[in-house]
C-alpha atoms as a PDB file:
ATOM      1  CA  UNK A   1    -160.600 -51.750 160.920  1.00  0.00           C
ATOM      2  CA  UNK A   2    -161.961 -52.711 164.326  1.00  0.00           C
ATOM      3  CA  UNK A   3    -159.917 -52.339 167.515  1.00  0.00           C
ATOM      4  CA  UNK A   4    -160.804 -55.932 168.442  1.00  0.00           C
ATOM      5  CA  UNK A   5    -158.213 -58.468 167.315  1.00  0.00           C
ATOM      6  CA  UNK A   6    -159.663 -60.548 164.435  1.00  0.00           C
ATOM      7  CA  UNK A   7    -159.913 -64.276 165.077  1.00  0.00           C
ATOM      8  CA  UNK A   8    -160.054 -66.329 161.884  1.00  0.00           C
ATOM      9  CA  UNK A   9    -161.414 -69.881 161.649  1.00  0.00           C
ATOM     10  CA  UNK A  10    -160.690 -72.473 158.992  1.00  0.00           C
ATOM     11  CA  UNK A  11    -161.616 -76.144 158.783  1.00  0.00           C
ATOM     12  CA  UNK A  12    -158.596 -77.260 160.836  1.00  0.00           C
ATOM     13  CA  UNK A  13    -157.169 -74.073 162.334  1.00  0.00           C
ATOM     14  CA  UNK A  14    -157.861 -71.086 164.526  1.00  0.00           C
ATOM     15  CA  UNK A  15    -155.825 -67.971 163.829  1.00  0.00           C
ATOM     16  CA  UNK A  16    -155.706 -65.888 166.986  1.00  0.00           C
ATOM     17  CA  UNK A  17    -153.789 -63.169 168.761  1.00  0.00           C
ATOM     18  CA  UNK A  18    -150.281 -64.019 169.922  1.00  0.00           C
ATOM     19  CA  UNK A  19    -150.003 -63.835 173.704  1.00  0.00           C
ATOM     20  CA  UNK A  20    -147.026 -63.997 176.105  1.00  0.00           C
ATOM     21  CA  UNK A  21    -147.697 -67.662 176.918  1.00  0.00           C
ATOM     22  CA  UNK A  22    -146.977 -68.492 173.245  1.00  0.00           C
ATOM     23  CA  UNK A  23    -143.284 -67.756 173.797  1.00  0.00           C
ATOM     24  CA  UNK A  24    -142.450 -71.401 174.615  1.00  0.00           C
ATOM     25  CA  UNK A  25    -143.949 -72.629 171.333  1.00  0.00           C
ATOM     26  CA  UNK A  26    -142.328 -69.753 169.435  1.00  0.00           C
ATOM     27  CA  UNK A  27    -138.965 -70.670 170.930  1.00  0.00           C
ATOM     28  CA  UNK A  28    -139.342 -74.299 169.820  1.00  0.00           C
ATOM     29  CA  UNK A  29    -140.087 -73.183 166.257  1.00  0.00           C
ATOM     30  CA  UNK A  30    -137.616 -70.313 166.020  1.00  0.00           C
ATOM     31  CA  UNK A  31    -134.699 -72.081 167.696  1.00  0.00           C
ATOM     32  CA  UNK A  32    -134.729 -74.802 165.022  1.00  0.00           C
ATOM     33  CA  UNK A  33    -131.956 -73.688 162.660  1.00  0.00           C
ATOM     34  CA  UNK A  34    -133.269 -75.850 159.809  1.00  0.00           C
ATOM     35  CA  UNK A  35    -136.767 -74.338 160.052  1.00  0.00           C
ATOM     36  CA  UNK A  36    -135.373 -70.820 160.348  1.00  0.00           C
ATOM     37  CA  UNK A  37    -132.832 -71.035 157.523  1.00  0.00           C
ATOM     38  CA  UNK A  38    -135.194 -69.027 155.271  1.00  0.00           C
ATOM     39  CA  UNK A  39    -137.058 -66.909 157.836  1.00  0.00           C
ATOM     40  CA  UNK A  40    -134.773 -63.908 157.586  1.00  0.00           C
ATOM     41  CA  UNK A  41    -133.306 -63.914 161.077  1.00  0.00           C
ATOM     42  CA  UNK A  42    -130.888 -66.176 162.864  1.00  0.00           C
ATOM     43  CA  UNK A  43    -132.362 -68.995 164.924  1.00  0.00           C
ATOM     44  CA  UNK A  44    -133.168 -68.009 168.488  1.00  0.00           C
ATOM     45  CA  UNK A  45    -130.663 -69.150 171.093  1.00  0.00           C
ATOM     46  CA  UNK A  46    -132.284 -67.894 174.315  1.00  0.00           C
ATOM     47  CA  UNK A  47    -135.851 -68.230 175.595  1.00  0.00           C
ATOM     48  CA  UNK A  48    -135.978 -64.480 176.345  1.00  0.00           C
ATOM     49  CA  UNK A  49    -135.726 -63.820 172.596  1.00  0.00           C
ATOM     50  CA  UNK A  50    -139.031 -65.646 172.149  1.00  0.00           C
ATOM     51  CA  UNK A  51    -140.632 -63.358 174.751  1.00  0.00           C
ATOM     52  CA  UNK A  52    -139.428 -60.377 172.711  1.00  0.00           C
ATOM     53  CA  UNK A  53    -140.727 -61.933 169.502  1.00  0.00           C
ATOM     54  CA  UNK A  54    -144.160 -62.617 171.013  1.00  0.00           C
ATOM     55  CA  UNK A  55    -144.349 -59.000 172.200  1.00  0.00           C
ATOM     56  CA  UNK A  56    -143.233 -57.686 168.805  1.00  0.00           C
ATOM     57  CA  UNK A  57    -145.799 -59.764 166.891  1.00  0.00           C
ATOM     58  CA  UNK A  58    -148.555 -58.833 169.366  1.00  0.00           C
ATOM     59  CA  UNK A  59    -147.666 -55.151 169.036  1.00  0.00           C
ATOM     60  CA  UNK A  60    -148.354 -54.884 165.299  1.00  0.00           C
ATOM     61  CA  UNK A  61    -152.147 -54.824 165.631  1.00  0.00           C
ATOM     62  CA  UNK A  62    -152.451 -52.133 168.328  1.00  0.00           C
ATOM     63  CA  UNK A  63    -149.840 -50.036 166.491  1.00  0.00           C
ATOM     64  CA  UNK A  64    -151.800 -50.312 163.240  1.00  0.00           C
ATOM     65  CA  UNK A  65    -148.806 -51.616 161.293  1.00  0.00           C
ATOM     66  CA  UNK A  66    -150.153 -55.104 160.602  1.00  0.00           C
ATOM     67  CA  UNK A  67    -151.619 -58.257 162.081  1.00  0.00           C
ATOM     68  CA  UNK A  68    -149.721 -61.393 163.132  1.00  0.00           C
ATOM     69  CA  UNK A  69    -151.778 -64.446 163.989  1.00  0.00           C
ATOM     70  CA  UNK A  70    -150.793 -67.474 166.005  1.00  0.00           C
ATOM     71  CA  UNK A  71    -151.763 -70.564 164.008  1.00  0.00           C
ATOM     72  CA  UNK A  72    -153.437 -73.067 166.330  1.00  0.00           C
ATOM     73  CA  UNK A  73    -154.505 -76.586 165.366  1.00  0.00           C
ATOM     74  CA  UNK A  74    -158.141 -77.107 166.367  1.00  0.00           C
ATOM     75  CA  UNK A  75    -157.674 -80.802 167.157  1.00  0.00           C
ATOM     76  CA  UNK A  76    -155.236 -80.224 170.032  1.00  0.00           C
ATOM     77  CA  UNK A  77    -154.903 -76.464 170.586  1.00  0.00           C
ATOM     78  CA  UNK A  78    -151.189 -76.509 169.690  1.00  0.00           C
ATOM     79  CA  UNK A  79    -149.571 -73.361 168.335  1.00  0.00           C
ATOM     80  CA  UNK A  80    -147.849 -74.635 165.179  1.00  0.00           C
ATOM     81  CA  UNK A  81    -146.650 -71.369 163.642  1.00  0.00           C
ATOM     82  CA  UNK A  82    -147.515 -67.775 162.895  1.00  0.00           C
ATOM     83  CA  UNK A  83    -148.470 -65.779 159.847  1.00  0.00           C
ATOM     84  CA  UNK A  84    -149.472 -62.257 159.171  1.00  0.00           C
ATOM     85  CA  UNK A  85    -149.610 -59.068 157.219  1.00  0.00           C
ATOM     86  CA  UNK A  86    -147.035 -56.432 158.142  1.00  0.00           C
ATOM     87  CA  UNK A  87    -145.418 -53.217 156.918  1.00  0.00           C
ATOM     88  CA  UNK A  88    -148.970 -52.046 156.257  1.00  0.00           C
ATOM     89  CA  UNK A  89    -148.967 -48.889 154.170  1.00  0.00           C
ATOM     90  CA  UNK A  90    -152.556 -47.682 154.448  1.00  0.00           C
ATOM     91  CA  UNK A  91    -152.218 -44.858 151.932  1.00  0.00           C
ATOM     92  CA  UNK A  92    -150.756 -47.231 149.322  1.00  0.00           C
ATOM     93  CA  UNK A  93    -153.206 -50.062 150.265  1.00  0.00           C
ATOM     94  CA  UNK A  94    -150.451 -52.669 150.492  1.00  0.00           C
ATOM     95  CA  UNK A  95    -148.463 -54.782 152.922  1.00  0.00           C
ATOM     96  CA  UNK A  96    -146.233 -57.839 153.223  1.00  0.00           C
ATOM     97  CA  UNK A  97    -147.183 -61.445 153.960  1.00  0.00           C
ATOM     98  CA  UNK A  98    -144.926 -63.488 156.239  1.00  0.00           C
ATOM     99  CA  UNK A  99    -145.197 -66.956 157.753  1.00  0.00           C
ATOM    100  CA  UNK A 100    -143.423 -69.815 159.465  1.00  0.00           C
ATOM    101  CA  UNK A 101    -144.505 -73.262 160.589  1.00  0.00           C
ATOM    102  CA  UNK A 102    -142.897 -75.811 162.865  1.00  0.00           C
ATOM    103  CA  UNK A 103    -140.980 -78.491 160.977  1.00  0.00           C
ATOM    104  CA  UNK A 104    -143.340 -81.282 162.076  1.00  0.00           C
ATOM    105  CA  UNK A 105    -146.368 -79.418 160.710  1.00  0.00           C
ATOM    106  CA  UNK A 106    -144.979 -78.651 157.273  1.00  0.00           C
ATOM    107  CA  UNK A 107    -146.322 -80.387 154.159  1.00  0.00           C
ATOM    108  CA  UNK A 108    -149.820 -80.926 155.593  1.00  0.00           C
ATOM    109  CA  UNK A 109    -151.504 -77.953 153.886  1.00  0.00           C
ATOM    110  CA  UNK A 110    -151.768 -75.944 157.116  1.00  0.00           C
ATOM    111  CA  UNK A 111    -149.984 -72.870 155.801  1.00  0.00           C
ATOM    112  CA  UNK A 112    -152.028 -72.760 152.616  1.00  0.00           C
ATOM    113  CA  UNK A 113    -155.183 -72.974 154.724  1.00  0.00           C
ATOM    114  CA  UNK A 114    -154.002 -70.223 157.090  1.00  0.00           C
ATOM    115  CA  UNK A 115    -152.651 -67.964 154.337  1.00  0.00           C
ATOM    116  CA  UNK A 116    -155.895 -68.225 152.362  1.00  0.00           C
ATOM    117  CA  UNK A 117    -157.871 -66.999 155.371  1.00  0.00           C
ATOM    118  CA  UNK A 118    -155.348 -64.201 155.929  1.00  0.00           C
ATOM    119  CA  UNK A 119    -155.478 -63.090 152.300  1.00  0.00           C
ATOM    120  CA  UNK A 120    -159.283 -63.032 152.453  1.00  0.00           C
ATOM    121  CA  UNK A 121    -159.059 -60.893 155.583  1.00  0.00           C
ATOM    122  CA  UNK A 122    -156.462 -58.527 154.141  1.00  0.00           C
ATOM    123  CA  UNK A 123    -158.348 -57.840 150.957  1.00  0.00           C
ATOM    124  CA  UNK A 124    -161.789 -57.596 152.563  1.00  0.00           C
ATOM    125  CA  UNK A 125    -161.092 -55.927 155.947  1.00  0.00           C
ATOM    126  CA  UNK A 126    -157.808 -54.042 155.561  1.00  0.00           C
ATOM    127  CA  UNK A 127    -158.721 -52.473 152.204  1.00  0.00           C
ATOM    128  CA  UNK A 128    -155.578 -53.884 150.622  1.00  0.00           C
ATOM    129  CA  UNK A 129    -154.995 -53.710 146.891  1.00  0.00           C
ATOM    130  CA  UNK A 130    -151.624 -55.504 146.870  1.00  0.00           C
ATOM    131  CA  UNK A 131    -149.945 -58.046 149.120  1.00  0.00           C
ATOM    132  CA  UNK A 132    -146.265 -58.726 148.597  1.00  0.00           C
ATOM    133  CA  UNK A 133    -144.091 -61.594 149.821  1.00  0.00           C
ATOM    134  CA  UNK A 134    -140.357 -62.156 149.663  1.00  0.00           C
ATOM    135  CA  UNK A 135    -138.669 -65.523 149.544  1.00  0.00           C
ATOM    136  CA  UNK A 136    -135.123 -66.751 149.221  1.00  0.00           C
ATOM    137  CA  UNK A 137    -134.633 -68.325 145.789  1.00  0.00           C
ATOM    138  CA  UNK A 138    -133.701 -71.662 147.415  1.00  0.00           C
ATOM    139  CA  UNK A 139    -136.887 -71.794 149.536  1.00  0.00           C
ATOM    140  CA  UNK A 140    -138.815 -74.077 147.186  1.00  0.00           C
ATOM    141  CA  UNK A 141    -141.650 -74.755 149.643  1.00  0.00           C
ATOM    142  CA  UNK A 142    -142.477 -71.064 150.138  1.00  0.00           C
ATOM    143  CA  UNK A 143    -142.212 -70.333 146.431  1.00  0.00           C
ATOM    144  CA  UNK A 144    -144.571 -73.233 145.665  1.00  0.00           C
ATOM    145  CA  UNK A 145    -147.049 -72.000 148.286  1.00  0.00           C
ATOM    146  CA  UNK A 146    -146.980 -68.433 146.990  1.00  0.00           C
ATOM    147  CA  UNK A 147    -147.474 -69.658 143.427  1.00  0.00           C
ATOM    148  CA  UNK A 148    -150.428 -71.881 144.446  1.00  0.00           C
ATOM    149  CA  UNK A 149    -151.978 -68.871 146.192  1.00  0.00           C
ATOM    150  CA  UNK A 150    -151.745 -66.867 142.967  1.00  0.00           C
ATOM    151  CA  UNK A 151    -148.734 -64.670 143.717  1.00  0.00           C
ATOM    152  CA  UNK A 152    -146.668 -63.652 140.702  1.00  0.00           C
ATOM    153  CA  UNK A 153    -142.896 -63.381 140.573  1.00  0.00           C
ATOM    154  CA  UNK A 154    -141.883 -59.746 140.011  1.00  0.00           C
ATOM    155  CA  UNK A 155    -138.110 -59.740 140.363  1.00  0.00           C
ATOM    156  CA  UNK A 156    -135.177 -59.995 142.723  1.00  0.00           C
ATOM    157  CA  UNK A 157    -134.406 -57.636 145.597  1.00  0.00           C
ATOM    158  CA  UNK A 158    -130.630 -57.781 145.624  1.00  0.00           C
ATOM    159  CA  UNK A 159    -129.037 -58.250 149.057  1.00  0.00           C
ATOM    160  CA  UNK A 160    -132.363 -57.362 150.674  1.00  0.00           C
ATOM    161  CA  UNK A 161    -131.781 -59.223 153.929  1.00  0.00           C
ATOM    162  CA  UNK A 162    -128.986 -60.223 156.270  1.00  0.00           C
ATOM    163  CA  UNK A 163    -128.860 -63.332 158.412  1.00  0.00           C
ATOM    164  CA  UNK A 164    -126.372 -66.109 159.108  1.00  0.00           C
ATOM    165  CA  UNK A 165    -123.590 -63.568 158.682  1.00  0.00           C
ATOM    166  CA  UNK A 166    -124.288 -62.750 155.044  1.00  0.00           C
ATOM    167  CA  UNK A 167    -126.554 -60.751 152.768  1.00  0.00           C
ATOM    168  CA  UNK A 168    -129.221 -62.582 150.778  1.00  0.00           C
ATOM    169  CA  UNK A 169    -131.119 -61.793 147.607  1.00  0.00           C
ATOM    170  CA  UNK A 170    -134.869 -62.228 147.957  1.00  0.00           C
ATOM    171  CA  UNK A 171    -137.358 -62.975 145.220  1.00  0.00           C
ATOM    172  CA  UNK A 172    -140.331 -60.608 145.208  1.00  0.00           C
ATOM    173  CA  UNK A 173    -143.844 -61.968 144.647  1.00  0.00           C
ATOM    174  CA  UNK A 174    -147.111 -60.039 144.693  1.00  0.00           C
ATOM    175  CA  UNK A 175    -150.837 -60.677 144.570  1.00  0.00           C
ATOM    176  CA  UNK A 176    -153.393 -58.031 143.624  1.00  0.00           C
ATOM    177  CA  UNK A 177    -156.910 -57.932 145.013  1.00  0.00           C
ATOM    178  CA  UNK A 178    -158.553 -58.573 141.640  1.00  0.00           C
ATOM    179  CA  UNK A 179    -156.306 -61.606 141.086  1.00  0.00           C
ATOM    180  CA  UNK A 180    -157.281 -63.061 144.472  1.00  0.00           C
ATOM    181  CA  UNK A 181    -160.977 -62.504 143.820  1.00  0.00           C
ATOM    182  CA  UNK A 182    -160.712 -64.230 140.434  1.00  0.00           C
END
């Protein structure tokens, strides 16, 4: 994989590197408790947490552990969410897919558009064989998206995550390269 951050283009979106100036937009998204109820962490309460998040996401690519893109709407240049491939295990040829979108931008097909470009990139440029995603069983929108993208339900990871003061089971979904190409 190249050392130059990959910029992906779709019909309505540009997926680009996350930079420190994205922290304001990240804070708006990640401080919304309703939007974050399924993300796997508690909603942000301080702007400095968004700075840390931007730095963390930006650090995945140089560290070689994944890629997190800022999702930018072409029509106005607004950062509307992020998505990426992380926990990249190069020897096993697999990683995880994660995503979040601001509440106002949900249900417009943006995440499907972004995730499709990311899956193409992962399978063609990262030499991935398998991409896995986890979703809370009550997160109907994410489950529907994963299903539309071709992910298959594989089982439940019991008490896999902790947020909002409790442990949560997460459903495991996976997509293999040959399934994506079909």
